[in-house]
PDB file of all heavy atoms in Angstrom:
ATOM      1  N   VAL A   1     100.072   1.364  14.913  1.00  0.00           N
ATOM      2  CA  VAL A   1      99.002   0.679  15.628  1.00  0.00           C
ATOM      3  C   VAL A   1      98.644   1.443  16.893  1.00  0.00           C
ATOM      4  O   VAL A   1      97.462   1.635  17.206  1.00  0.00           O
ATOM      5  CB  VAL A   1      99.409  -0.778  15.946  1.00  0.00           C
ATOM      6  CG1 VAL A   1      98.347  -1.466  16.765  1.00  0.00           C
ATOM      7  CG2 VAL A   1      99.666  -1.536  14.657  1.00  0.00           C
ATOM      8  N   ALA A   2      99.627   1.917  17.641  1.00  0.00           N
ATOM      9  CA  ALA A   2      99.352   2.620  18.892  1.00  0.00           C
ATOM     10  C   ALA A   2      98.575   3.902  18.647  1.00  0.00           C
ATOM     11  O   ALA A   2      97.643   4.209  19.377  1.00  0.00           O
ATOM     12  CB  ALA A   2     100.650   2.922  19.641  1.00  0.00           C
ATOM     13  N   SER A   3      98.941   4.664  17.623  1.00  0.00           N
ATOM     14  CA  SER A   3      98.216   5.908  17.394  1.00  0.00           C
ATOM     15  C   SER A   3      96.808   5.624  16.878  1.00  0.00           C
ATOM     16  O   SER A   3      95.876   6.340  17.196  1.00  0.00           O
ATOM     17  CB  SER A   3      98.980   6.817  16.436  1.00  0.00           C
ATOM     18  OG  SER A   3      99.100   6.211  15.167  1.00  0.00           O
ATOM     19  N   GLY A   4      96.640   4.575  16.076  1.00  0.00           N
ATOM     20  CA  GLY A   4      95.305   4.193  15.611  1.00  0.00           C
ATOM     21  C   GLY A   4      94.422   3.727  16.748  1.00  0.00           C
ATOM     22  O   GLY A   4      93.245   4.070  16.828  1.00  0.00           O
ATOM     23  N   ILE A   5      94.987   2.941  17.649  1.00  0.00           N
ATOM     24  CA  ILE A   5      94.245   2.474  18.817  1.00  0.00           C
ATOM     25  C   ILE A   5      94.025   3.624  19.790  1.00  0.00           C
ATOM     26  O   ILE A   5      92.997   3.690  20.452  1.00  0.00           O
ATOM     27  CB  ILE A   5      94.999   1.314  19.508  1.00  0.00           C
ATOM     28  CG1 ILE A   5      94.998   0.082  18.620  1.00  0.00           C
ATOM     29  CG2 ILE A   5      94.372   0.978  20.848  1.00  0.00           C
ATOM     30  CD1 ILE A   5      95.856  -1.040  19.141  1.00  0.00           C
ATOM     31  N   GLY A   6      94.972   4.549  19.849  1.00  0.00           N
ATOM     32  CA  GLY A   6      94.893   5.653  20.813  1.00  0.00           C
ATOM     33  C   GLY A   6      93.593   6.416  20.751  1.00  0.00           C
ATOM     34  O   GLY A   6      92.976   6.689  21.768  1.00  0.00           O
ATOM     35  N   HIS A   7      93.122   6.762  19.557  1.00  0.00           N
ATOM     36  CA  HIS A   7      91.878   7.508  19.439  1.00  0.00           C
ATOM     37  C   HIS A   7      90.683   6.630  19.807  1.00  0.00           C
ATOM     38  O   HIS A   7      89.788   7.062  20.531  1.00  0.00           O
ATOM     39  CB  HIS A   7      91.720   8.058  18.018  1.00  0.00           C
ATOM     40  CG  HIS A   7      90.492   8.874  17.841  1.00  0.00           C
ATOM     41  ND1 HIS A   7      90.323  10.082  18.468  1.00  0.00           N
ATOM     42  CD2 HIS A   7      89.357   8.635  17.150  1.00  0.00           C
ATOM     43  CE1 HIS A   7      89.128  10.572  18.146  1.00  0.00           C
ATOM     44  NE2 HIS A   7      88.528   9.705  17.349  1.00  0.00           N
ATOM     45  N   ALA A   8      90.662   5.395  19.322  1.00  0.00           N
ATOM     46  CA  ALA A   8      89.558   4.486  19.630  1.00  0.00           C
ATOM     47  C   ALA A   8      89.586   4.046  21.086  1.00  0.00           C
ATOM     48  O   ALA A   8      88.539   3.754  21.665  1.00  0.00           O
ATOM     49  CB  ALA A   8      89.618   3.269  18.714  1.00  0.00           C
ATOM     50  N   ALA A   9      90.772   4.013  21.685  1.00  0.00           N
ATOM     51  CA  ALA A   9      90.903   3.550  23.066  1.00  0.00           C
ATOM     52  C   ALA A   9      90.077   4.398  24.017  1.00  0.00           C
ATOM     53  O   ALA A   9      89.482   3.880  24.964  1.00  0.00           O
ATOM     54  CB  ALA A   9      92.371   3.565  23.493  1.00  0.00           C
ATOM     55  N   ARG A  10      90.028   5.688  23.770  1.00  0.00           N
ATOM     56  CA  ARG A  10      89.254   6.583  24.637  1.00  0.00           C
ATOM     57  C   ARG A  10      87.787   6.166  24.620  1.00  0.00           C
ATOM     58  O   ARG A  10      87.139   6.099  25.650  1.00  0.00           O
ATOM     59  CB  ARG A  10      89.424   8.022  24.176  1.00  0.00           C
ATOM     60  CG  ARG A  10      88.635   8.998  24.996  1.00  0.00           C
ATOM     61  CD  ARG A  10      88.889  10.401  24.586  1.00  0.00           C
ATOM     62  NE  ARG A  10      88.472  10.580  23.202  1.00  0.00           N
ATOM     63  CZ  ARG A  10      88.147  11.740  22.680  1.00  0.00           C
ATOM     64  NH1 ARG A  10      88.237  12.829  23.405  1.00  0.00           N
ATOM     65  NH2 ARG A  10      87.768  11.839  21.440  1.00  0.00           N
ATOM     66  N   TRP A  11      87.259   5.867  23.431  1.00  0.00           N
ATOM     67  CA  TRP A  11      85.845   5.503  23.310  1.00  0.00           C
ATOM     68  C   TRP A  11      85.572   4.120  23.882  1.00  0.00           C
ATOM     69  O   TRP A  11      84.546   3.914  24.545  1.00  0.00           O
ATOM     70  CB  TRP A  11      85.412   5.571  21.849  1.00  0.00           C
ATOM     71  CG  TRP A  11      85.462   6.976  21.343  1.00  0.00           C
ATOM     72  CD1 TRP A  11      86.419   7.533  20.532  1.00  0.00           C
ATOM     73  CD2 TRP A  11      84.548   8.028  21.652  1.00  0.00           C
ATOM     74  NE1 TRP A  11      86.150   8.855  20.323  1.00  0.00           N
ATOM     75  CE2 TRP A  11      84.995   9.194  20.997  1.00  0.00           C
ATOM     76  CE3 TRP A  11      83.399   8.094  22.426  1.00  0.00           C
ATOM     77  CZ2 TRP A  11      84.327  10.400  21.088  1.00  0.00           C
ATOM     78  CZ3 TRP A  11      82.725   9.311  22.507  1.00  0.00           C
ATOM     79  CH2 TRP A  11      83.192  10.441  21.845  1.00  0.00           C
ATOM     80  N   ILE A  12      86.473   3.185  23.631  1.00  0.00           N
ATOM     81  CA  ILE A  12      86.307   1.832  24.164  1.00  0.00           C
ATOM     82  C   ILE A  12      86.351   1.861  25.689  1.00  0.00           C
ATOM     83  O   ILE A  12      85.493   1.306  26.370  1.00  0.00           O
ATOM     84  CB  ILE A  12      87.388   0.877  23.606  1.00  0.00           C
ATOM     85  CG1 ILE A  12      87.205   0.704  22.097  1.00  0.00           C
ATOM     86  CG2 ILE A  12      87.349  -0.474  24.322  1.00  0.00           C
ATOM     87  CD1 ILE A  12      88.391   0.040  21.410  1.00  0.00           C
ATOM     88  N   GLY A  13      87.372   2.522  26.230  1.00  0.00           N
ATOM     89  CA  GLY A  13      87.504   2.626  27.688  1.00  0.00           C
ATOM     90  C   GLY A  13      86.306   3.312  28.313  1.00  0.00           C
ATOM     91  O   GLY A  13      85.790   2.880  29.350  1.00  0.00           O
ATOM     92  N   ALA A  14      85.838   4.389  27.687  1.00  0.00           N
ATOM     93  CA  ALA A  14      84.677   5.116  28.207  1.00  0.00           C
ATOM     94  C   ALA A  14      83.444   4.220  28.214  1.00  0.00           C
ATOM     95  O   ALA A  14      82.705   4.171  29.210  1.00  0.00           O
ATOM     96  CB  ALA A  14      84.428   6.364  27.376  1.00  0.00           C
ATOM     97  N   GLY A  15      83.234   3.492  27.128  1.00  0.00           N
ATOM     98  CA  GLY A  15      82.072   2.609  27.050  1.00  0.00           C
ATOM     99  C   GLY A  15      82.098   1.516  28.101  1.00  0.00           C
ATOM    100  O   GLY A  15      81.072   1.213  28.734  1.00  0.00           O
ATOM    101  N   VAL A  16      83.266   0.931  28.307  1.00  0.00           N
ATOM    102  CA  VAL A  16      83.399  -0.129  29.307  1.00  0.00           C
ATOM    103  C   VAL A  16      83.138   0.422  30.711  1.00  0.00           C
ATOM    104  O   VAL A  16      82.405  -0.189  31.504  1.00  0.00           O
ATOM    105  CB  VAL A  16      84.787  -0.802  29.219  1.00  0.00           C
ATOM    106  CG1 VAL A  16      85.037  -1.725  30.403  1.00  0.00           C
ATOM    107  CG2 VAL A  16      84.921  -1.569  27.916  1.00  0.00           C
ATOM    108  N   LEU A  17      83.698   1.584  31.029  1.00  0.00           N
ATOM    109  CA  LEU A  17      83.474   2.164  32.359  1.00  0.00           C
ATOM    110  C   LEU A  17      82.013   2.537  32.575  1.00  0.00           C
ATOM    111  O   LEU A  17      81.469   2.340  33.666  1.00  0.00           O
ATOM    112  CB  LEU A  17      84.364   3.388  32.564  1.00  0.00           C
ATOM    113  CG  LEU A  17      85.836   3.083  32.805  1.00  0.00           C
ATOM    114  CD1 LEU A  17      86.628   4.379  32.912  1.00  0.00           C
ATOM    115  CD2 LEU A  17      86.026   2.258  34.048  1.00  0.00           C
ATOM    116  N   ILE A  18      81.378   3.089  31.560  1.00  0.00           N
ATOM    117  CA  ILE A  18      79.962   3.435  31.682  1.00  0.00           C
ATOM    118  C   ILE A  18      79.144   2.168  31.929  1.00  0.00           C
ATOM    119  O   ILE A  18      78.259   2.146  32.799  1.00  0.00           O
ATOM    120  CB  ILE A  18      79.477   4.198  30.434  1.00  0.00           C
ATOM    121  CG1 ILE A  18      80.104   5.604  30.404  1.00  0.00           C
ATOM    122  CG2 ILE A  18      77.945   4.283  30.394  1.00  0.00           C
ATOM    123  CD1 ILE A  18      79.918   6.354  29.094  1.00  0.00           C
ATOM    124  N   ALA A  19      79.441   1.103  31.193  1.00  0.00           N
ATOM    125  CA  ALA A  19      78.715  -0.159  31.385  1.00  0.00           C
ATOM    126  C   ALA A  19      78.924  -0.710  32.790  1.00  0.00           C
ATOM    127  O   ALA A  19      77.962  -1.148  33.443  1.00  0.00           O
ATOM    128  CB  ALA A  19      79.167  -1.183  30.338  1.00  0.00           C
ATOM    129  N   ILE A  20      80.160  -0.687  33.283  1.00  0.00           N
ATOM    130  CA  ILE A  20      80.434  -1.176  34.640  1.00  0.00           C
ATOM    131  C   ILE A  20      79.692  -0.327  35.660  1.00  0.00           C
ATOM    132  O   ILE A  20      79.108  -0.845  36.617  1.00  0.00           O
ATOM    133  CB  ILE A  20      81.950  -1.193  34.920  1.00  0.00           C
ATOM    134  CG1 ILE A  20      82.617  -2.296  34.095  1.00  0.00           C
ATOM    135  CG2 ILE A  20      82.231  -1.410  36.413  1.00  0.00           C
ATOM    136  CD1 ILE A  20      84.127  -2.256  34.128  1.00  0.00           C
ATOM    137  N   GLY A  21      79.701   0.987  35.474  1.00  0.00           N
ATOM    138  CA  GLY A  21      78.987   1.881  36.389  1.00  0.00           C
ATOM    139  C   GLY A  21      77.498   1.613  36.401  1.00  0.00           C
ATOM    140  O   GLY A  21      76.870   1.566  37.473  1.00  0.00           O
ATOM    141  N   VAL A  22      76.898   1.416  35.225  1.00  0.00           N
ATOM    142  CA  VAL A  22      75.464   1.139  35.142  1.00  0.00           C
ATOM    143  C   VAL A  22      75.135  -0.181  35.833  1.00  0.00           C
ATOM    144  O   VAL A  22      74.171  -0.275  36.612  1.00  0.00           O
ATOM    145  CB  VAL A  22      74.994   1.148  33.669  1.00  0.00           C
ATOM    146  CG1 VAL A  22      73.589   0.567  33.531  1.00  0.00           C
ATOM    147  CG2 VAL A  22      75.038   2.559  33.108  1.00  0.00           C
ATOM    148  N   VAL A  23      75.940  -1.209  35.574  1.00  0.00           N
ATOM    149  CA  VAL A  23      75.717  -2.506  36.230  1.00  0.00           C
ATOM    150  C   VAL A  23      75.835  -2.363  37.745  1.00  0.00           C
ATOM    151  O   VAL A  23      75.030  -2.918  38.499  1.00  0.00           O
ATOM    152  CB  VAL A  23      76.705  -3.565  35.688  1.00  0.00           C
ATOM    153  CG1 VAL A  23      76.711  -4.818  36.552  1.00  0.00           C
ATOM    154  CG2 VAL A  23      76.365  -3.913  34.251  1.00  0.00           C
ATOM    155  N   THR A  24      76.808  -1.603  38.220  1.00  0.00           N
ATOM    156  CA  THR A  24      76.984  -1.388  39.663  1.00  0.00           C
ATOM    157  C   THR A  24      75.764  -0.706  40.260  1.00  0.00           C
ATOM    158  O   THR A  24      75.275  -1.112  41.327  1.00  0.00           O
ATOM    159  CB  THR A  24      78.253  -0.552  39.929  1.00  0.00           C
ATOM    160  OG1 THR A  24      79.379  -1.266  39.422  1.00  0.00           O
ATOM    161  CG2 THR A  24      78.444  -0.295  41.413  1.00  0.00           C
ATOM    162  N   VAL A  25      75.262   0.328  39.604  1.00  0.00           N
ATOM    163  CA  VAL A  25      74.079   1.038  40.098  1.00  0.00           C
ATOM    164  C   VAL A  25      72.878   0.096  40.142  1.00  0.00           C
ATOM    165  O   VAL A  25      72.158   0.050  41.145  1.00  0.00           O
ATOM    166  CB  VAL A  25      73.769   2.277  39.223  1.00  0.00           C
ATOM    167  CG1 VAL A  25      72.402   2.853  39.546  1.00  0.00           C
ATOM    168  CG2 VAL A  25      74.840   3.337  39.400  1.00  0.00           C
ATOM    169  N   ILE A  26      72.670  -0.670  39.090  1.00  0.00           N
ATOM    170  CA  ILE A  26      71.527  -1.587  39.043  1.00  0.00           C
ATOM    171  C   ILE A  26      71.632  -2.643  40.131  1.00  0.00           C
ATOM    172  O   ILE A  26      70.661  -2.932  40.835  1.00  0.00           O
ATOM    173  CB  ILE A  26      71.397  -2.226  37.643  1.00  0.00           C
ATOM    174  CG1 ILE A  26      70.967  -1.168  36.629  1.00  0.00           C
ATOM    175  CG2 ILE A  26      70.418  -3.402  37.657  1.00  0.00           C
ATOM    176  CD1 ILE A  26      71.063  -1.622  35.182  1.00  0.00           C
ATOM    177  N   GLN A  27      72.833  -3.224  40.290  1.00  0.00           N
ATOM    178  CA  GLN A  27      73.005  -4.247  41.326  1.00  0.00           C
ATOM    179  C   GLN A  27      72.813  -3.664  42.715  1.00  0.00           C
ATOM    180  O   GLN A  27      72.201  -4.297  43.573  1.00  0.00           O
ATOM    181  CB  GLN A  27      74.381  -4.895  41.215  1.00  0.00           C
ATOM    182  CG  GLN A  27      74.495  -5.840  40.042  1.00  0.00           C
ATOM    183  CD  GLN A  27      75.880  -6.450  39.914  1.00  0.00           C
ATOM    184  OE1 GLN A  27      76.848  -5.976  40.493  1.00  0.00           O
ATOM    185  NE2 GLN A  27      75.977  -7.511  39.130  1.00  0.00           N
ATOM    186  N   ALA A  28      73.323  -2.470  42.966  1.00  0.00           N
ATOM    187  CA  ALA A  28      73.155  -1.843  44.275  1.00  0.00           C
ATOM    188  C   ALA A  28      71.685  -1.513  44.526  1.00  0.00           C
ATOM    189  O   ALA A  28      71.193  -1.636  45.648  1.00  0.00           O
ATOM    190  CB  ALA A  28      74.006  -0.580  44.374  1.00  0.00           C
ATOM    191  N   TRP A  29      70.986  -1.118  43.496  1.00  0.00           N
ATOM    192  CA  TRP A  29      69.574  -0.773  43.618  1.00  0.00           C
ATOM    193  C   TRP A  29      68.740  -1.998  43.991  1.00  0.00           C
ATOM    194  O   TRP A  29      67.799  -1.911  44.773  1.00  0.00           O
ATOM    195  CB  TRP A  29      69.079  -0.207  42.292  1.00  0.00           C
ATOM    196  CG  TRP A  29      67.749   0.463  42.403  1.00  0.00           C
ATOM    197  CD1 TRP A  29      66.511  -0.126  42.299  1.00  0.00           C
ATOM    198  CD2 TRP A  29      67.508   1.837  42.650  1.00  0.00           C
ATOM    199  NE1 TRP A  29      65.534   0.794  42.454  1.00  0.00           N
ATOM    200  CE2 TRP A  29      66.114   2.020  42.667  1.00  0.00           C
ATOM    201  CE3 TRP A  29      68.330   2.931  42.844  1.00  0.00           C
ATOM    202  CZ2 TRP A  29      65.534   3.255  42.887  1.00  0.00           C
ATOM    203  CZ3 TRP A  29      67.740   4.157  43.050  1.00  0.00           C
ATOM    204  CH2 TRP A  29      66.363   4.305  43.076  1.00  0.00           C
ATOM    205  N   ARG A  30      69.133  -3.161  43.461  1.00  0.00           N
ATOM    206  CA  ARG A  30      68.384  -4.400  43.684  1.00  0.00           C
ATOM    207  C   ARG A  30      68.713  -5.080  45.008  1.00  0.00           C
ATOM    208  O   ARG A  30      67.974  -5.953  45.444  1.00  0.00           O
ATOM    209  CB  ARG A  30      68.651  -5.381  42.554  1.00  0.00           C
ATOM    210  CG  ARG A  30      68.049  -4.947  41.255  1.00  0.00           C
ATOM    211  CD  ARG A  30      68.319  -5.965  40.195  1.00  0.00           C
ATOM    212  NE  ARG A  30      67.678  -5.589  38.940  1.00  0.00           N
ATOM    213  CZ  ARG A  30      67.865  -6.208  37.809  1.00  0.00           C
ATOM    214  NH1 ARG A  30      68.666  -7.265  37.748  1.00  0.00           N
ATOM    215  NH2 ARG A  30      67.254  -5.813  36.726  1.00  0.00           N
ATOM    216  N   GLN A  31      69.837  -4.714  45.640  1.00  0.00           N
ATOM    217  CA  GLN A  31      70.248  -5.377  46.871  1.00  0.00           C
ATOM    218  C   GLN A  31      69.333  -4.983  48.028  1.00  0.00           C
ATOM    219  O   GLN A  31      68.968  -3.817  48.164  1.00  0.00           O
ATOM    220  CB  GLN A  31      71.679  -5.008  47.252  1.00  0.00           C
ATOM    221  CG  GLN A  31      72.708  -5.631  46.357  1.00  0.00           C
ATOM    222  CD  GLN A  31      74.116  -5.210  46.754  1.00  0.00           C
ATOM    223  OE1 GLN A  31      74.313  -4.272  47.504  1.00  0.00           O
ATOM    224  NE2 GLN A  31      75.089  -5.914  46.234  1.00  0.00           N
ATOM    225  N   PRO A  32      69.026  -5.960  48.881  1.00  0.00           N
ATOM    226  CA  PRO A  32      68.262  -5.625  50.086  1.00  0.00           C
ATOM    227  C   PRO A  32      69.069  -4.686  50.981  1.00  0.00           C
ATOM    228  O   PRO A  32      70.295  -4.675  50.954  1.00  0.00           O
ATOM    229  CB  PRO A  32      68.060  -6.970  50.775  1.00  0.00           C
ATOM    230  CG  PRO A  32      68.478  -8.021  49.811  1.00  0.00           C
ATOM    231  CD  PRO A  32      69.322  -7.372  48.769  1.00  0.00           C
ATOM    232  N   ALA A  33      68.395  -3.922  51.797  1.00  0.00           N
ATOM    233  CA  ALA A  33      69.041  -2.923  52.658  1.00  0.00           C
ATOM    234  C   ALA A  33      70.087  -3.534  53.571  1.00  0.00           C
ATOM    235  O   ALA A  33      71.139  -2.946  53.805  1.00  0.00           O
ATOM    236  CB  ALA A  33      67.998  -2.180  53.491  1.00  0.00           C
ATOM    237  N   GLU A  34      69.841  -4.736  54.089  1.00  0.00           N
ATOM    238  CA  GLU A  34      70.819  -5.318  55.022  1.00  0.00           C
ATOM    239  C   GLU A  34      72.131  -5.658  54.341  1.00  0.00           C
ATOM    240  O   GLU A  34      73.182  -5.652  54.966  1.00  0.00           O
ATOM    241  CB  GLU A  34      70.253  -6.555  55.737  1.00  0.00           C
ATOM    242  CG  GLU A  34      69.982  -7.748  54.850  1.00  0.00           C
ATOM    243  CD  GLU A  34      68.593  -7.725  54.213  1.00  0.00           C
ATOM    244  OE1 GLU A  34      67.837  -6.764  54.440  1.00  0.00           O
ATOM    245  OE2 GLU A  34      68.268  -8.675  53.477  1.00  0.00           O
ATOM    246  N   VAL A  35      72.116  -5.953  53.041  1.00  0.00           N
ATOM    247  CA  VAL A  35      73.351  -6.249  52.324  1.00  0.00           C
ATOM    248  C   VAL A  35      74.150  -4.972  52.131  1.00  0.00           C
ATOM    249  O   VAL A  35      75.349  -4.925  52.338  1.00  0.00           O
ATOM    250  CB  VAL A  35      73.046  -6.917  50.957  1.00  0.00           C
ATOM    251  CG1 VAL A  35      74.315  -7.065  50.140  1.00  0.00           C
ATOM    252  CG2 VAL A  35      72.394  -8.273  51.181  1.00  0.00           C
ATOM    253  N   VAL A  36      73.490  -3.896  51.733  1.00  0.00           N
ATOM    254  CA  VAL A  36      74.169  -2.628  51.483  1.00  0.00           C
ATOM    255  C   VAL A  36      74.684  -2.015  52.774  1.00  0.00           C
ATOM    256  O   VAL A  36      75.733  -1.402  52.820  1.00  0.00           O
ATOM    257  CB  VAL A  36      73.217  -1.649  50.747  1.00  0.00           C
ATOM    258  CG1 VAL A  36      73.875  -0.305  50.553  1.00  0.00           C
ATOM    259  CG2 VAL A  36      72.797  -2.231  49.418  1.00  0.00           C
ATOM    260  N   CYS A  37      73.947  -2.191  53.868  1.00  0.00           N
ATOM    261  CA  CYS A  37      74.317  -1.547  55.136  1.00  0.00           C
ATOM    262  C   CYS A  37      75.348  -2.323  55.928  1.00  0.00           C
ATOM    263  O   CYS A  37      75.651  -1.965  57.059  1.00  0.00           O
ATOM    264  CB  CYS A  37      73.071  -1.322  55.985  1.00  0.00           C
ATOM    265  SG  CYS A  37      71.976  -0.106  55.265  1.00  0.00           S
ATOM    266  N   GLY A  38      75.866  -3.411  55.389  1.00  0.00           N
ATOM    267  CA  GLY A  38      76.984  -4.076  56.044  1.00  0.00           C
ATOM    268  C   GLY A  38      76.638  -5.355  56.766  1.00  0.00           C
ATOM    269  O   GLY A  38      77.496  -5.964  57.376  1.00  0.00           O
ATOM    270  N   THR A  39      75.400  -5.799  56.744  1.00  0.00           N
ATOM    271  CA  THR A  39      75.064  -7.065  57.389  1.00  0.00           C
ATOM    272  C   THR A  39      74.843  -8.132  56.329  1.00  0.00           C
ATOM    273  O   THR A  39      73.901  -8.888  56.377  1.00  0.00           O
ATOM    274  CB  THR A  39      73.807  -6.902  58.271  1.00  0.00           C
ATOM    275  OG1 THR A  39      72.742  -6.413  57.448  1.00  0.00           O
ATOM    276  CG2 THR A  39      74.064  -5.959  59.422  1.00  0.00           C
ATOM    277  N   ARG A  40      75.728  -8.162  55.375  1.00  0.00           N
ATOM    278  CA  ARG A  40      75.667  -9.071  54.236  1.00  0.00           C
ATOM    279  C   ARG A  40      75.749 -10.520  54.716  1.00  0.00           C
ATOM    280  O   ARG A  40      76.555 -10.858  55.572  1.00  0.00           O
ATOM    281  CB  ARG A  40      76.865  -8.744  53.334  1.00  0.00           C
ATOM    282  CG  ARG A  40      77.059  -9.607  52.154  1.00  0.00           C
ATOM    283  CD  ARG A  40      78.303  -9.204  51.357  1.00  0.00           C
ATOM    284  NE  ARG A  40      78.671  -7.823  51.455  1.00  0.00           N
ATOM    285  CZ  ARG A  40      78.108  -6.834  50.767  1.00  0.00           C
ATOM    286  NH1 ARG A  40      77.144  -7.093  49.940  1.00  0.00           N
ATOM    287  NH2 ARG A  40      78.515  -5.606  50.927  1.00  0.00           N
ATOM    288  N   PRO A  41      74.940 -11.407  54.114  1.00  0.00           N
ATOM    289  CA  PRO A  41      75.034 -12.819  54.457  1.00  0.00           C
ATOM    290  C   PRO A  41      76.421 -13.368  54.129  1.00  0.00           C
ATOM    291  O   PRO A  41      77.043 -12.928  53.172  1.00  0.00           O
ATOM    292  CB  PRO A  41      73.977 -13.479  53.560  1.00  0.00           C
ATOM    293  CG  PRO A  41      73.060 -12.379  53.138  1.00  0.00           C
ATOM    294  CD  PRO A  41      73.884 -11.131  53.151  1.00  0.00           C
ATOM    295  N   PRO A  42      76.923 -14.332  54.910  1.00  0.00           N
ATOM    296  CA  PRO A  42      78.246 -14.891  54.657  1.00  0.00           C
ATOM    297  C   PRO A  42      78.326 -15.493  53.261  1.00  0.00           C
ATOM    298  O   PRO A  42      77.366 -16.060  52.758  1.00  0.00           O
ATOM    299  CB  PRO A  42      78.389 -15.986  55.723  1.00  0.00           C
ATOM    300  CG  PRO A  42      77.319 -15.746  56.721  1.00  0.00           C
ATOM    301  CD  PRO A  42      76.261 -14.929  56.055  1.00  0.00           C
ATOM    302  N   GLY A  43      79.497 -15.356  52.657  1.00  0.00           N
ATOM    303  CA  GLY A  43      79.741 -15.936  51.352  1.00  0.00           C
ATOM    304  C   GLY A  43      79.259 -15.079  50.191  1.00  0.00           C
ATOM    305  O   GLY A  43      79.442 -15.430  49.046  1.00  0.00           O
ATOM    306  N   ARG A  44      78.636 -13.975  50.470  1.00  0.00           N
ATOM    307  CA  ARG A  44      78.146 -13.100  49.396  1.00  0.00           C
ATOM    308  C   ARG A  44      79.175 -12.000  49.174  1.00  0.00           C
ATOM    309  O   ARG A  44      79.409 -11.171  50.045  1.00  0.00           O
ATOM    310  CB  ARG A  44      76.808 -12.509  49.816  1.00  0.00           C
ATOM    311  CG  ARG A  44      76.176 -11.740  48.704  1.00  0.00           C
ATOM    312  CD  ARG A  44      74.714 -12.034  48.628  1.00  0.00           C
ATOM    313  NE  ARG A  44      74.217 -11.279  47.494  1.00  0.00           N
ATOM    314  CZ  ARG A  44      73.066 -10.685  47.476  1.00  0.00           C
ATOM    315  NH1 ARG A  44      72.257 -10.781  48.502  1.00  0.00           N
ATOM    316  NH2 ARG A  44      72.692 -10.023  46.425  1.00  0.00           N
TER     317      ARG A  44
END
């Protein structure tokens, strides 16, 4: 099982990281400047 998962694990892990990275870029792109620059509203 470990060797079978081992080859697929690289692709699964890569896909998940790429998706997280894309979501992070999109969310950062949509944030107003004051949130990104450190004057984020409380509770956010």
